[in-house]
Every structure is written in C-alpha cells, then in structure tokens.
C-alpha cells in the first residue's frame, strides 16, 4: 500500500486569498493611511542606489507603500492576492499614473516578470504566509528578476513577537492561532540568514525596538 502523504497545514493560494478578502471586508481601514515604518527604513536604501527605476511590491494591500514610491518617480507594480485590497488600491483618488495594481499571488507575479528587469523587489510581511517550498521558490524568483545590484527589501515578524507560540504549532516556528484559518510563520536570525544565502548578499538588517520585526535589505550580486 502506498503511504498517503500528510496534508499540508498551508491552504492553497485560492483559500489564502479568500481568507485575506474576509479580513479586508471586515476592516475598511486595513493598511490604509500613511506609509509603514518599514518603508521609512527602506526608502533611503532604495534612493541611495536608484533615483528612478522599476519596483515590484509583493503583498501590497491597498498600496500605501507602493503609492509612496510611485509618488517620487519610481514605476511600481503592486500585487496582492486579495481582490478587495487591490480594488481599494485602484479606487484611491491619489493613485499616480506610474503605479499599477494587479491581483495575483507573489510567486505568480514573479514568474510573470522578465529576468534581470527590476531594480527592487519589496515585500512587507507577506513571507509570513508562505509554506516552505513556496517561500524558497519566491526567493529563487526574486534573484532571477532582479538585475545584478538590484535590492530585495523584506520585513517579517520575529519569533520574539508575543503572539508567536499562540495556538496550534503546525511546523517549526509556524502557528495557526484560530482553527480553520491560515497559519503564520515567524522568523529567527538564522532563518532570515538562510534565505539571504539563496543567492544574495546582505546590505542591511535592523530589528526595531518594540516592533518584533526583522527589516532586511539584500542585494543580488
């Protein structure tokens, strides 16, 4: 008898997107307002290397960080798997012409992008929601789509976060807080370093006091 492989704790992409839609529909102000603190950290790193350029934001939500970058002249494609988030981004009155929204998941967006075509890939908190194989594939694709010298700017929650460890442990450093919802991944220093080692060089790292977030800037050699 052939053994049945264990069912993954990670829902399929469509299920994750539907869960995100439900969250956005229940919170009309989700990720609205001013740009994130991560963008305050990331923007000077981008500006110091690229005064103009092509940026792909993964997991953009309604686009508060993408809009900041587009407003100063970058050409930005903002992608999110939530139809609700993308609809809000497109409907915003202050969306500049060089900002384009697209509803899709991170891996599909990267696979649809030309090799060596981007200056920056920007990802704020989206990697917490990816299973191991998808996360590794995303990093491999990020390296492909960045030109040499391009930046990968990403932020993920740390295992020091008080909500890490709550609920059901479904994989190392991965917990499902509520039955029937997607799990979330939290990161240690060694786990962010292992991802950087998938073909990147570290430019900068910060662990802002009180935020329980890792801020990471990597460069494609």
C-alpha atoms as a PDB file:
ATOM      1  CA  UNK A   1       0.000   0.000   0.000  1.00  0.00           C
ATOM      2  CA  UNK A   2       1.290   3.464  -0.901  1.00  0.00           C
ATOM      3  CA  UNK A   3       1.524   5.773   2.069  1.00  0.00           C
ATOM      4  CA  UNK A   4      -0.654   8.876   1.848  1.00  0.00           C
ATOM      5  CA  UNK A   5       1.481  11.971   2.334  1.00  0.00           C
ATOM      6  CA  UNK A   6       0.472  14.141   5.286  1.00  0.00           C
ATOM      7  CA  UNK A   7      -1.821  17.030   4.412  1.00  0.00           C
ATOM      8  CA  UNK A   8      -0.048  20.369   4.355  1.00  0.00           C
ATOM      9  CA  UNK A   9      -1.159  22.799   7.080  1.00  0.00           C
ATOM     10  CA  UNK A  10      -0.942  25.556   4.462  1.00  0.00           C
ATOM     11  CA  UNK A  11      -4.115  26.233   2.471  1.00  0.00           C
ATOM     12  CA  UNK A  12      -3.928  26.541  -1.308  1.00  0.00           C
ATOM     13  CA  UNK A  13      -3.347  30.002  -2.756  1.00  0.00           C
ATOM     14  CA  UNK A  14      -7.056  30.492  -3.531  1.00  0.00           C
ATOM     15  CA  UNK A  15      -8.001  29.675   0.065  1.00  0.00           C
ATOM     16  CA  UNK A  16      -5.404  32.111   1.405  1.00  0.00           C
ATOM     17  CA  UNK A  17      -6.734  34.805  -0.921  1.00  0.00           C
ATOM     18  CA  UNK A  18     -10.307  34.192   0.239  1.00  0.00           C
ATOM     19  CA  UNK A  19      -9.205  34.428   3.874  1.00  0.00           C
ATOM     20  CA  UNK A  20      -7.466  37.738   3.121  1.00  0.00           C
ATOM     21  CA  UNK A  21     -10.598  39.059   1.430  1.00  0.00           C
ATOM     22  CA  UNK A  22     -12.652  38.252   4.523  1.00  0.00           C
ATOM     23  CA  UNK A  23     -10.199  40.153   6.715  1.00  0.00           C
ATOM     24  CA  UNK A  24     -10.224  43.214   4.450  1.00  0.00           C
ATOM     25  CA  UNK A  25     -14.003  43.139   4.130  1.00  0.00           C
ATOM     26  CA  UNK A  26     -14.272  43.166   7.927  1.00  0.00           C
ATOM     27  CA  UNK A  27     -11.877  46.105   8.274  1.00  0.00           C
ATOM     28  CA  UNK A  28     -12.380  49.007   5.834  1.00  0.00           C
ATOM     29  CA  UNK A  29      -9.280  50.788   7.187  1.00  0.00           C
ATOM     30  CA  UNK A  30      -6.894  47.846   6.954  1.00  0.00           C
ATOM     31  CA  UNK A  31      -3.429  49.071   5.859  1.00  0.00           C
ATOM     32  CA  UNK A  32      -4.799  52.470   4.895  1.00  0.00           C
ATOM     33  CA  UNK A  33      -3.238  55.733   5.994  1.00  0.00           C
ATOM     34  CA  UNK A  34       0.412  56.792   5.892  1.00  0.00           C
ATOM     35  CA  UNK A  35       3.245  54.572   4.648  1.00  0.00           C
ATOM     36  CA  UNK A  36       4.560  51.899   7.010  1.00  0.00           C
ATOM     37  CA  UNK A  37       7.556  52.231   9.305  1.00  0.00           C
ATOM     38  CA  UNK A  38       9.266  49.638   7.157  1.00  0.00           C
ATOM     39  CA  UNK A  39       9.011  51.974   4.171  1.00  0.00           C
ATOM     40  CA  UNK A  40      10.635  54.729   6.279  1.00  0.00           C
ATOM     41  CA  UNK A  41      13.592  52.385   6.684  1.00  0.00           C
ATOM     42  CA  UNK A  42      13.617  51.011   3.150  1.00  0.00           C
ATOM     43  CA  UNK A  43      13.130  54.202   1.157  1.00  0.00           C
ATOM     44  CA  UNK A  44      16.579  55.748   1.876  1.00  0.00           C
ATOM     45  CA  UNK A  45      18.236  52.461   0.881  1.00  0.00           C
ATOM     46  CA  UNK A  46      16.374  52.474  -2.425  1.00  0.00           C
ATOM     47  CA  UNK A  47      17.031  56.164  -3.085  1.00  0.00           C
ATOM     48  CA  UNK A  48      20.737  55.870  -2.382  1.00  0.00           C
ATOM     49  CA  UNK A  49      21.093  53.344  -5.222  1.00  0.00           C
ATOM     50  CA  UNK A  50      18.278  54.081  -7.669  1.00  0.00           C
ATOM     51  CA  UNK A  51      16.893  57.583  -8.249  1.00  0.00           C
ATOM     52  CA  UNK A  52      14.475  56.096 -10.780  1.00  0.00           C
ATOM     53  CA  UNK A  53      13.627  52.508 -11.559  1.00  0.00           C
ATOM     54  CA  UNK A  54      11.275  49.562 -11.674  1.00  0.00           C
ATOM     55  CA  UNK A  55       9.840  48.199  -8.409  1.00  0.00           C
ATOM     56  CA  UNK A  56       7.642  45.180  -7.716  1.00  0.00           C
ATOM     57  CA  UNK A  57       5.834  45.136  -4.374  1.00  0.00           C
ATOM     58  CA  UNK A  58       4.621  41.731  -3.198  1.00  0.00           C
ATOM     59  CA  UNK A  59       1.649  41.681  -0.834  1.00  0.00           C
ATOM     60  CA  UNK A  60       0.939  45.370  -1.332  1.00  0.00           C
ATOM     61  CA  UNK A  61      -2.503  45.537   0.252  1.00  0.00           C
ATOM     62  CA  UNK A  62      -4.256  48.732  -0.927  1.00  0.00           C
ATOM     63  CA  UNK A  63      -0.879  50.257  -1.752  1.00  0.00           C
ATOM     64  CA  UNK A  64       0.173  52.685   0.976  1.00  0.00           C
ATOM     65  CA  UNK A  65       3.907  51.887   0.498  1.00  0.00           C
ATOM     66  CA  UNK A  66       3.675  51.434  -3.284  1.00  0.00           C
ATOM     67  CA  UNK A  67       2.000  54.831  -3.569  1.00  0.00           C
ATOM     68  CA  UNK A  68       4.838  56.477  -1.651  1.00  0.00           C
ATOM     69  CA  UNK A  69       7.412  55.051  -4.047  1.00  0.00           C
ATOM     70  CA  UNK A  70       5.399  55.896  -7.163  1.00  0.00           C
ATOM     71  CA  UNK A  71       4.845  59.459  -5.990  1.00  0.00           C
ATOM     72  CA  UNK A  72       8.589  60.150  -6.084  1.00  0.00           C
ATOM     73  CA  UNK A  73       9.021  58.779  -9.589  1.00  0.00           C
ATOM     74  CA  UNK A  74       9.503  55.019  -9.422  1.00  0.00           C
ATOM     75  CA  UNK A  75       7.462  52.779 -11.719  1.00  0.00           C
ATOM     76  CA  UNK A  76       5.735  50.408  -9.306  1.00  0.00           C
ATOM     77  CA  UNK A  77       3.712  47.256  -9.817  1.00  0.00           C
ATOM     78  CA  UNK A  78       1.777  46.418  -6.642  1.00  0.00           C
ATOM     79  CA  UNK A  79       0.431  42.878  -6.347  1.00  0.00           C
ATOM     80  CA  UNK A  80      -1.743  41.220  -3.736  1.00  0.00           C
ATOM     81  CA  UNK A  81      -3.847  38.061  -3.723  1.00  0.00           C
ATOM     82  CA  UNK A  82      -6.771  39.884  -2.114  1.00  0.00           C
ATOM     83  CA  UNK A  83      -9.274  41.206  -4.653  1.00  0.00           C
ATOM     84  CA  UNK A  84     -10.663  43.543  -2.002  1.00  0.00           C
ATOM     85  CA  UNK A  85      -7.282  45.101  -1.276  1.00  0.00           C
ATOM     86  CA  UNK A  86      -6.496  45.591  -4.966  1.00  0.00           C
ATOM     87  CA  UNK A  87      -9.923  47.121  -5.629  1.00  0.00           C
ATOM     88  CA  UNK A  88      -9.326  49.632  -2.829  1.00  0.00           C
ATOM     89  CA  UNK A  89      -5.908  50.490  -4.225  1.00  0.00           C
ATOM     90  CA  UNK A  90      -7.265  51.074  -7.726  1.00  0.00           C
ATOM     91  CA  UNK A  91     -10.140  53.191  -6.410  1.00  0.00           C
ATOM     92  CA  UNK A  92      -7.938  55.577  -4.437  1.00  0.00           C
ATOM     93  CA  UNK A  93      -8.116  59.120  -5.793  1.00  0.00           C
ATOM     94  CA  UNK A  94      -4.408  59.815  -5.235  1.00  0.00           C
ATOM     95  CA  UNK A  95      -3.009  56.888  -7.266  1.00  0.00           C
ATOM     96  CA  UNK A  96      -0.254  58.211  -9.567  1.00  0.00           C
ATOM     97  CA  UNK A  97      -0.067  57.033 -13.184  1.00  0.00           C
ATOM     98  CA  UNK A  98       3.192  55.129 -12.646  1.00  0.00           C
ATOM     99  CA  UNK A  99       1.533  52.826 -10.075  1.00  0.00           C
ATOM    100  CA  UNK A 100      -0.165  49.706 -11.446  1.00  0.00           C
ATOM    101  CA  UNK A 101      -2.165  47.262  -9.320  1.00  0.00           C
ATOM    102  CA  UNK A 102      -2.527  43.588 -10.141  1.00  0.00           C
ATOM    103  CA  UNK A 103      -4.413  40.876  -8.297  1.00  0.00           C
ATOM    104  CA  UNK A 104      -2.240  37.756  -8.073  1.00  0.00           C
ATOM    105  CA  UNK A 105      -0.063  35.854  -5.635  1.00  0.00           C
ATOM    106  CA  UNK A 106       3.624  36.607  -5.094  1.00  0.00           C
ATOM    107  CA  UNK A 107       5.047  33.587  -6.885  1.00  0.00           C
ATOM    108  CA  UNK A 108       2.881  34.031  -9.985  1.00  0.00           C
ATOM    109  CA  UNK A 109       3.786  37.712 -10.183  1.00  0.00           C
ATOM    110  CA  UNK A 110       7.476  36.880 -10.065  1.00  0.00           C
ATOM    111  CA  UNK A 111       7.202  34.101 -12.647  1.00  0.00           C
ATOM    112  CA  UNK A 112       5.460  36.547 -14.985  1.00  0.00           C
ATOM    113  CA  UNK A 113       8.324  39.063 -14.665  1.00  0.00           C
ATOM    114  CA  UNK A 114      11.234  39.232 -17.107  1.00  0.00           C
ATOM    115  CA  UNK A 115      14.696  38.124 -15.991  1.00  0.00           C
ATOM    116  CA  UNK A 116      17.032  40.934 -14.818  1.00  0.00           C
ATOM    117  CA  UNK A 117      14.249  43.502 -15.270  1.00  0.00           C
ATOM    118  CA  UNK A 118      13.762  45.005 -11.798  1.00  0.00           C
ATOM    119  CA  UNK A 119      15.693  47.371  -9.573  1.00  0.00           C
ATOM    120  CA  UNK A 120      13.795  46.475  -6.389  1.00  0.00           C
ATOM    121  CA  UNK A 121      11.540  43.747  -5.042  1.00  0.00           C
ATOM    122  CA  UNK A 122       9.756  44.975  -1.910  1.00  0.00           C
ATOM    123  CA  UNK A 123       7.869  42.646   0.439  1.00  0.00           C
ATOM    124  CA  UNK A 124       6.408  43.802   3.749  1.00  0.00           C
ATOM    125  CA  UNK A 125       5.218  40.898   5.939  1.00  0.00           C
ATOM    126  CA  UNK A 126       3.992  38.724   3.061  1.00  0.00           C
ATOM    127  CA  UNK A 127       6.579  35.956   3.598  1.00  0.00           C
ATOM    128  CA  UNK A 128       4.963  35.020   6.910  1.00  0.00           C
ATOM    129  CA  UNK A 129       2.114  33.455   4.957  1.00  0.00           C
ATOM    130  CA  UNK A 130       4.067  31.185   2.605  1.00  0.00           C
ATOM    131  CA  UNK A 131       4.815  27.456   3.005  1.00  0.00           C
ATOM    132  CA  UNK A 132       8.425  26.284   2.834  1.00  0.00           C
ATOM    133  CA  UNK A 133       8.520  25.256  -0.823  1.00  0.00           C
ATOM    134  CA  UNK A 134       6.732  28.399  -1.981  1.00  0.00           C
ATOM    135  CA  UNK A 135       8.959  30.642   0.130  1.00  0.00           C
ATOM    136  CA  UNK A 136      12.109  29.128  -1.329  1.00  0.00           C
ATOM    137  CA  UNK A 137      10.700  29.411  -4.858  1.00  0.00           C
ATOM    138  CA  UNK A 138       9.868  33.068  -4.256  1.00  0.00           C
ATOM    139  CA  UNK A 139      13.451  33.813  -3.228  1.00  0.00           C
ATOM    140  CA  UNK A 140      14.802  31.983  -6.262  1.00  0.00           C
ATOM    141  CA  UNK A 141      12.486  34.009  -8.495  1.00  0.00           C
ATOM    142  CA  UNK A 142      13.388  37.281  -6.786  1.00  0.00           C
ATOM    143  CA  UNK A 143      17.030  36.624  -7.606  1.00  0.00           C
ATOM    144  CA  UNK A 144      16.112  35.924 -11.230  1.00  0.00           C
ATOM    145  CA  UNK A 145      14.028  39.057 -11.803  1.00  0.00           C
ATOM    146  CA  UNK A 146      16.452  41.497 -10.146  1.00  0.00           C
ATOM    147  CA  UNK A 147      19.295  42.763 -12.253  1.00  0.00           C
ATOM    148  CA  UNK A 148      22.792  42.469 -10.705  1.00  0.00           C
ATOM    149  CA  UNK A 149      22.948  45.049  -7.937  1.00  0.00           C
ATOM    150  CA  UNK A 150      19.171  45.075  -7.506  1.00  0.00           C
ATOM    151  CA  UNK A 151      17.712  45.194  -3.992  1.00  0.00           C
ATOM    152  CA  UNK A 152      15.418  42.775  -2.200  1.00  0.00           C
ATOM    153  CA  UNK A 153      13.817  44.601   0.729  1.00  0.00           C
ATOM    154  CA  UNK A 154      11.711  42.442   3.030  1.00  0.00           C
ATOM    155  CA  UNK A 155      10.229  42.518   6.510  1.00  0.00           C
ATOM    156  CA  UNK A 156       8.994  39.592   8.600  1.00  0.00           C
ATOM    157  CA  UNK A 157       7.806  39.109  12.157  1.00  0.00           C
ATOM    158  CA  UNK A 158      10.213  37.693  14.714  1.00  0.00           C
ATOM    159  CA  UNK A 159       9.706  34.699  16.991  1.00  0.00           C
ATOM    160  CA  UNK A 160      10.020  37.243  19.843  1.00  0.00           C
ATOM    161  CA  UNK A 161       6.550  38.552  18.975  1.00  0.00           C
ATOM    162  CA  UNK A 162       4.202  37.857  21.926  1.00  0.00           C
ATOM    163  CA  UNK A 163       1.636  36.299  19.576  1.00  0.00           C
ATOM    164  CA  UNK A 164       4.181  33.790  18.254  1.00  0.00           C
ATOM    165  CA  UNK A 165       3.558  30.491  20.005  1.00  0.00           C
ATOM    166  CA  UNK A 166      -0.160  31.076  20.437  1.00  0.00           C
ATOM    167  CA  UNK A 167      -2.496  28.463  19.007  1.00  0.00           C
ATOM    168  CA  UNK A 168      -1.575  25.249  17.213  1.00  0.00           C
ATOM    169  CA  UNK A 169       2.039  24.570  16.257  1.00  0.00           C
ATOM    170  CA  UNK A 170       1.868  23.160  12.711  1.00  0.00           C
ATOM    171  CA  UNK A 171       5.573  23.369  11.724  1.00  0.00           C
ATOM    172  CA  UNK A 172       8.754  24.793  13.241  1.00  0.00           C
ATOM    173  CA  UNK A 173       8.055  28.469  14.087  1.00  0.00           C
ATOM    174  CA  UNK A 174       4.653  28.250  12.366  1.00  0.00           C
ATOM    175  CA  UNK A 175       1.399  28.556  14.325  1.00  0.00           C
ATOM    176  CA  UNK A 176      -2.295  28.624  13.497  1.00  0.00           C
ATOM    177  CA  UNK A 177      -3.937  30.907  16.027  1.00  0.00           C
ATOM    178  CA  UNK A 178      -7.555  30.037  15.153  1.00  0.00           C
ATOM    179  CA  UNK A 179      -8.886  26.726  13.797  1.00  0.00           C
ATOM    180  CA  UNK A 180      -9.721  26.907  10.122  1.00  0.00           C
ATOM    181  CA  UNK A 181      -7.505  29.929   9.380  1.00  0.00           C
ATOM    182  CA  UNK A 182      -4.142  30.004   7.572  1.00  0.00           C
ATOM    183  CA  UNK A 183      -1.056  29.624   9.757  1.00  0.00           C
ATOM    184  CA  UNK A 184       1.641  32.271  10.180  1.00  0.00           C
ATOM    185  CA  UNK A 185       5.401  31.882  10.116  1.00  0.00           C
ATOM    186  CA  UNK A 186       7.757  33.720  12.472  1.00  0.00           C
ATOM    187  CA  UNK A 187      11.462  34.189  11.898  1.00  0.00           C
ATOM    188  CA  UNK A 188      14.718  33.809  13.803  1.00  0.00           C
ATOM    189  CA  UNK A 189      18.039  35.369  12.855  1.00  0.00           C
ATOM    190  CA  UNK A 190      19.238  32.043  11.464  1.00  0.00           C
ATOM    191  CA  UNK A 191      16.115  31.665   9.289  1.00  0.00           C
ATOM    192  CA  UNK A 192      16.490  35.090   7.676  1.00  0.00           C
ATOM    193  CA  UNK A 193      20.199  34.415   7.108  1.00  0.00           C
ATOM    194  CA  UNK A 194      19.367  31.084   5.424  1.00  0.00           C
ATOM    195  CA  UNK A 195      17.044  32.870   2.992  1.00  0.00           C
ATOM    196  CA  UNK A 196      19.631  35.518   2.192  1.00  0.00           C
ATOM    197  CA  UNK A 197      22.052  32.695   1.431  1.00  0.00           C
ATOM    198  CA  UNK A 198      19.856  31.655  -1.523  1.00  0.00           C
ATOM    199  CA  UNK A 199      21.953  33.818  -3.822  1.00  0.00           C
ATOM    200  CA  UNK A 200      22.014  37.254  -2.164  1.00  0.00           C
ATOM    201  CA  UNK A 201      24.407  39.485  -0.245  1.00  0.00           C
ATOM    202  CA  UNK A 202      23.249  41.223   2.930  1.00  0.00           C
ATOM    203  CA  UNK A 203      23.203  45.025   2.734  1.00  0.00           C
ATOM    204  CA  UNK A 204      21.496  45.926   6.000  1.00  0.00           C
ATOM    205  CA  UNK A 205      19.432  44.457   8.827  1.00  0.00           C
ATOM    206  CA  UNK A 206      17.525  46.138  11.605  1.00  0.00           C
ATOM    207  CA  UNK A 207      15.454  44.852  14.495  1.00  0.00           C
ATOM    208  CA  UNK A 208      13.448  47.930  15.534  1.00  0.00           C
ATOM    209  CA  UNK A 209      12.880  48.227  19.258  1.00  0.00           C
ATOM    210  CA  UNK A 210       9.421  47.107  20.333  1.00  0.00           C
ATOM    211  CA  UNK A 211       8.216  46.038  16.881  1.00  0.00           C
ATOM    212  CA  UNK A 212       9.278  42.367  16.852  1.00  0.00           C
ATOM    213  CA  UNK A 213      10.066  42.683  13.155  1.00  0.00           C
ATOM    214  CA  UNK A 214      13.152  41.933  11.108  1.00  0.00           C
ATOM    215  CA  UNK A 215      13.926  44.517   8.438  1.00  0.00           C
ATOM    216  CA  UNK A 216      16.246  43.117   5.779  1.00  0.00           C
ATOM    217  CA  UNK A 217      17.925  44.587   2.699  1.00  0.00           C
ATOM    218  CA  UNK A 218      19.672  42.098   0.403  1.00  0.00           C
ATOM    219  CA  UNK A 219      21.440  42.664  -2.893  1.00  0.00           C
ATOM    220  CA  UNK A 220      21.699  40.432  -5.914  1.00  0.00           C
ATOM    221  CA  UNK A 221      25.440  40.088  -6.669  1.00  0.00           C
END
